[in-house]
Structures are given as C-alpha cells and as structure tokens.
C-alpha cells in the first residue's frame, strides 16, 4: 500500500480528532472561567453563586472528558489546568462552608490536579486573611493561617507528587513565603490591637480617677 493510501485511510479520523481537540479545549476553558468566577464569588461571600458556577464548571469538565474519551492519544495541557482551577475553587468553598477538605474522588478530580489546586488555595486563604484583618477580625485571619499551614505541611512532604508534578515544588515555595508574610501581618495587627486595648484601659482608668 502506498503512503498516500495509508494517509487517506486515516484522514477522516484526523478530522474527527481536530474537532474533538477544539471542542474539548473550548469546554475546558469554560470550566476554568467558571471556576475563577466561583472563587471571586466566594470572596464576596456569594456562596450560592459560587456553587452555581462550580456546578456548571463540573458539567464542562465532564463534557470535555466525554469528547476526548474516544481520542485518548490527544494530549491537552489545558486538561490539568482546568481540573486544577476547579479543585482550588471547590477546596476553598468546602472549607469555608463545612470546614472539611473534599477528597479527589468526591470531586472526581485526578490526584495531581487536586494537589496543585490545593496548593493554589493557600493564596486564596491569604487573601481572606488580609480581608479579615482589614475588618479587624483577628480570629478569622488566624483560622485562615492555620488552614494555609496545614495544607502546606501536608503537600510539602509528598516527595512522590513532587517528582510527578515539578511545578508543585515551586507552588510550595510560594506558599511558604505567603505563610511567613501572613504570620507577620497577623502579628502586627495583634500588637496594634493589644496596644489599642491598653490605651483604652488607661483612658478608662484616668477617667474613673477624675
């Protein structure tokens, strides 16, 4: 058989793969956008809207997976990114609403994207910690810091995961710096709040002595 005949034999298959590639990427991109919108809604305390976005993101992920099912030889880098963004948003929402870490199997997210999303959620908890400090809610900020530290402590020790996903080590380095900075922010606010309490107590004593 000539090469031309061989190529003509799988031309239709290639055309199908091109369409599957385009449709899957479109669905994954939509899932990424919806997951990011969910994170923004969470920071605005719009939990119902966040859940709606994540339900739709979940549908987009399933749709993309179904499209790619007959084409396992297609390697889409965006697949991991889409699952990672979705996992990050789900972890953030579940921890805030229920105080529990969702399992990868519960989210139907592969392990590596789950870990990457988990690492990225540390940055979102820092954001919540800063917002809590701005509102003078020290306990809430400290709670965010505890979550950040717990996530970091667990994933930094996963040597096998680091070998499978080299970017996880970089994310851990970033997470460590964020935790150190957040500790400093909370310590500063704690000291300022303590000083303000001392000043108020002194003023009250002075007024009572008049």
Protein backbone atom coordinates (compact mmCIF):
# COMPACT_ATOMS: atom_id res chain seq x y z
CA UNK A 1 0.00 0.00 0.00
CA UNK A 2 1.30 3.48 -0.87
CA UNK A 3 1.85 6.14 1.76
CA UNK A 4 -0.85 8.24 0.13
CA UNK A 5 -3.33 5.39 0.56
CA UNK A 6 -2.29 4.96 4.22
CA UNK A 7 -2.78 8.65 4.94
CA UNK A 8 -6.09 8.76 3.11
CA UNK A 9 -7.15 5.86 5.29
CA UNK A 10 -6.96 7.88 8.49
CA UNK A 11 -7.76 11.34 7.10
CA UNK A 12 -11.32 11.18 8.44
CA UNK A 13 -10.03 10.11 11.83
CA UNK A 14 -7.69 13.10 11.90
CA UNK A 15 -10.53 15.44 11.07
CA UNK A 16 -12.54 13.98 13.94
CA UNK A 17 -9.60 14.44 16.28
CA UNK A 18 -9.22 18.09 15.24
CA UNK A 19 -12.87 18.76 16.06
CA UNK A 20 -12.62 16.84 19.35
CA UNK A 21 -9.50 18.85 20.20
CA UNK A 22 -11.23 22.17 19.54
CA UNK A 23 -14.45 21.25 21.34
CA UNK A 24 -12.63 19.86 24.39
CA UNK A 25 -10.40 22.93 24.70
CA UNK A 26 -13.48 25.15 24.50
CA UNK A 27 -15.18 23.20 27.30
CA UNK A 28 -12.05 23.21 29.48
CA UNK A 29 -11.61 26.95 29.00
CA UNK A 30 -15.19 27.50 30.04
CA UNK A 31 -14.61 25.35 33.13
CA UNK A 32 -11.56 27.43 34.02
CA UNK A 33 -13.51 30.69 33.65
CA UNK A 34 -16.38 29.38 35.76
CA UNK A 35 -14.00 28.16 38.48
CA UNK A 36 -12.32 31.57 38.65
CA UNK A 37 -15.73 33.23 38.84
CA UNK A 38 -16.61 30.88 41.69
CA UNK A 39 -13.51 31.95 43.62
CA UNK A 40 -14.39 35.62 43.14
CA UNK A 41 -17.95 34.94 44.34
CA UNK A 42 -16.59 33.16 47.43
CA UNK A 43 -14.51 36.22 48.33
CA UNK A 44 -17.66 38.32 48.03
CA UNK A 45 -19.44 35.84 50.31
CA UNK A 46 -21.82 34.95 47.46
CA UNK A 47 -21.75 31.25 48.19
CA UNK A 48 -24.90 30.37 46.23
CA UNK A 49 -23.46 31.97 43.12
CA UNK A 50 -20.16 30.17 43.69
CA UNK A 51 -21.94 26.83 43.91
CA UNK A 52 -23.85 27.57 40.70
CA UNK A 53 -20.61 28.36 38.88
CA UNK A 54 -18.98 25.17 40.15
CA UNK A 55 -21.94 23.02 39.11
CA UNK A 56 -21.62 24.44 35.61
CA UNK A 57 -17.83 24.01 35.67
CA UNK A 58 -18.30 20.38 36.66
CA UNK A 59 -20.59 19.88 33.66
CA UNK A 60 -17.98 21.41 31.35
CA UNK A 61 -15.28 19.08 32.69
CA UNK A 62 -17.50 16.03 32.18
CA UNK A 63 -18.39 17.23 28.70
CA UNK A 64 -14.73 17.67 27.73
CA UNK A 65 -13.87 14.23 29.13
CA UNK A 66 -16.67 12.64 27.10
CA UNK A 67 -15.45 14.36 23.94
CA UNK A 68 -11.92 13.09 24.48
CA UNK A 69 -12.92 9.59 25.52
CA UNK A 70 -12.52 8.08 22.00
CA UNK A 71 -9.29 10.06 21.46
CA UNK A 72 -7.01 9.10 24.35
CA UNK A 73 -3.94 9.80 22.23
CA UNK A 74 -4.71 13.53 22.30
CA UNK A 75 -2.54 15.27 24.89
CA UNK A 76 -4.15 18.52 26.07
CA UNK A 77 -2.10 20.51 28.56
CA UNK A 78 -5.20 22.50 29.43
CA UNK A 79 -6.86 19.42 30.95
CA UNK A 80 -4.75 19.53 34.11
CA UNK A 81 -5.18 23.31 34.39
CA UNK A 82 -8.97 23.04 34.17
CA UNK A 83 -9.15 20.38 36.88
CA UNK A 84 -6.65 22.30 38.99
CA UNK A 85 -8.71 25.52 38.90
CA UNK A 86 -11.87 23.59 39.67
CA UNK A 87 -10.26 21.76 42.60
CA UNK A 88 -8.94 25.05 44.02
CA UNK A 89 -12.41 26.61 43.99
CA UNK A 90 -14.07 23.52 45.47
CA UNK A 91 -11.50 23.26 48.28
CA UNK A 92 -12.00 26.93 49.12
CA UNK A 93 -15.78 26.65 49.18
CA UNK A 94 -15.95 23.37 51.12
CA UNK A 95 -13.51 24.53 53.80
CA UNK A 96 -15.31 27.83 54.31
CA UNK A 97 -18.80 26.35 54.34
CA UNK A 98 -18.22 22.99 56.03
CA UNK A 99 -14.70 23.13 57.45
CA UNK A 100 -13.77 19.90 55.64
CA UNK A 101 -11.35 19.01 52.87
CA UNK A 102 -13.11 17.32 49.94
CA UNK A 103 -11.47 14.17 48.58
CA UNK A 104 -10.35 13.96 44.93
CA UNK A 105 -12.77 11.06 44.39
CA UNK A 106 -15.62 13.15 45.74
CA UNK A 107 -14.83 15.93 43.27
CA UNK A 108 -13.99 13.44 40.51
CA UNK A 109 -10.67 15.20 40.05
CA UNK A 110 -7.40 13.35 39.33
CA UNK A 111 -4.90 13.35 42.20
CA UNK A 112 -2.20 15.59 40.71
CA UNK A 113 -4.53 18.43 39.65
CA UNK A 114 -6.17 18.14 43.07
CA UNK A 115 -2.83 18.66 44.81
CA UNK A 116 -1.95 21.59 42.54
CA UNK A 117 -5.32 23.20 43.21
CA UNK A 118 -4.89 22.57 46.92
CA UNK A 119 -1.53 24.35 46.84
CA UNK A 120 -3.03 27.30 44.96
CA UNK A 121 -5.82 27.64 47.51
CA UNK A 122 -3.21 28.83 50.03
CA UNK A 123 -3.04 32.11 48.14
CA UNK A 124 -6.81 32.49 48.33
CA UNK A 125 -6.79 31.86 52.08
CA UNK A 126 -4.14 34.55 52.45
CA UNK A 127 -6.47 36.88 50.61
CA UNK A 128 -9.25 36.03 53.07
CA UNK A 129 -6.86 36.51 55.98
CA UNK A 130 -5.97 40.01 54.77
CA UNK A 131 -9.64 40.86 54.32
CA UNK A 132 -10.33 39.61 57.85
CA UNK A 133 -7.51 41.79 59.19
CA UNK A 134 -8.93 44.78 57.35
CA UNK A 135 -12.23 44.15 59.14
CA UNK A 136 -10.38 43.70 62.45
CA UNK A 137 -11.38 40.02 62.67
CA UNK A 138 -8.22 38.52 64.13
CA UNK A 139 -9.65 35.09 64.89
CA UNK A 140 -10.87 34.69 61.33
CA UNK A 141 -7.45 35.68 60.00
CA UNK A 142 -5.76 33.22 62.36
CA UNK A 143 -8.13 30.48 61.17
CA UNK A 144 -7.10 31.16 57.57
CA UNK A 145 -3.45 30.99 58.57
CA UNK A 146 -3.99 27.63 60.26
CA UNK A 147 -5.55 26.24 57.08
CA UNK A 148 -2.68 27.62 54.99
CA UNK A 149 -0.13 25.99 57.28
CA UNK A 150 -1.99 22.66 57.36
CA UNK A 151 -2.17 22.46 53.56
CA UNK A 152 1.49 23.42 53.16
CA UNK A 153 2.70 20.97 55.80
CA UNK A 154 0.93 18.07 54.13
CA UNK A 155 1.83 18.69 50.48
CA UNK A 156 5.45 19.73 51.03
CA UNK A 157 6.22 16.25 52.34
CA UNK A 158 4.83 14.44 49.28
CA UNK A 159 8.09 13.64 47.51
CA UNK A 160 6.37 11.27 45.06
CA UNK A 161 3.98 14.01 43.99
CA UNK A 162 6.86 16.45 43.51
CA UNK A 163 8.52 14.05 41.09
CA UNK A 164 5.30 13.67 39.09
CA UNK A 165 4.46 17.38 39.11
CA UNK A 166 7.63 19.51 39.32
CA UNK A 167 5.54 22.69 39.50
CA UNK A 168 4.25 21.56 42.89
CA UNK A 169 7.63 22.30 44.46
CA UNK A 170 7.51 25.86 43.15
CA UNK A 171 3.99 26.26 44.48
CA UNK A 172 5.19 25.04 47.88
CA UNK A 173 7.97 27.63 47.86
CA UNK A 174 5.44 30.35 47.08
CA UNK A 175 3.12 29.01 49.78
CA UNK A 176 5.87 29.09 52.39
CA UNK A 177 6.56 32.75 51.64
CA UNK A 178 2.86 33.58 51.79
CA UNK A 179 2.56 31.89 55.17
CA UNK A 180 5.58 33.76 56.54
CA UNK A 181 4.21 37.10 55.33
CA UNK A 182 0.77 36.33 56.74
CA UNK A 183 2.26 35.45 60.13
CA UNK A 184 3.93 38.87 60.12
CA UNK A 185 0.70 40.61 59.11
CA UNK A 186 -1.25 38.94 61.90
CA UNK A 187 1.48 39.60 64.46
CA UNK A 188 1.49 43.28 63.53
CA UNK A 189 -2.28 43.54 63.80
CA UNK A 190 -2.26 41.63 67.09
CA UNK A 191 0.31 44.03 68.52
CA UNK A 192 -1.64 47.05 67.34
CA UNK A 193 -4.89 45.72 68.75
CA UNK A 194 -3.18 44.96 72.06
CA UNK A 195 -1.76 48.47 72.18
CA UNK A 196 -5.16 49.99 71.44
CA UNK A 197 -6.72 47.93 74.24
CA UNK A 198 -4.02 49.09 76.64
CA UNK A 199 -4.60 52.71 75.68
CA UNK A 200 -8.37 52.37 76.12
CA UNK A 201 -7.89 50.74 79.53
CA UNK A 202 -5.55 53.54 80.57
CA UNK A 203 -8.01 56.18 79.40
CA UNK A 204 -10.82 54.47 81.33
CA UNK A 205 -8.70 54.38 84.48
CA UNK A 206 -7.82 58.03 84.06
CA UNK A 207 -11.46 58.99 83.57
CA UNK A 208 -12.56 56.97 86.59
CA UNK A 209 -9.96 58.78 88.68
CA UNK A 210 -11.22 62.23 87.79
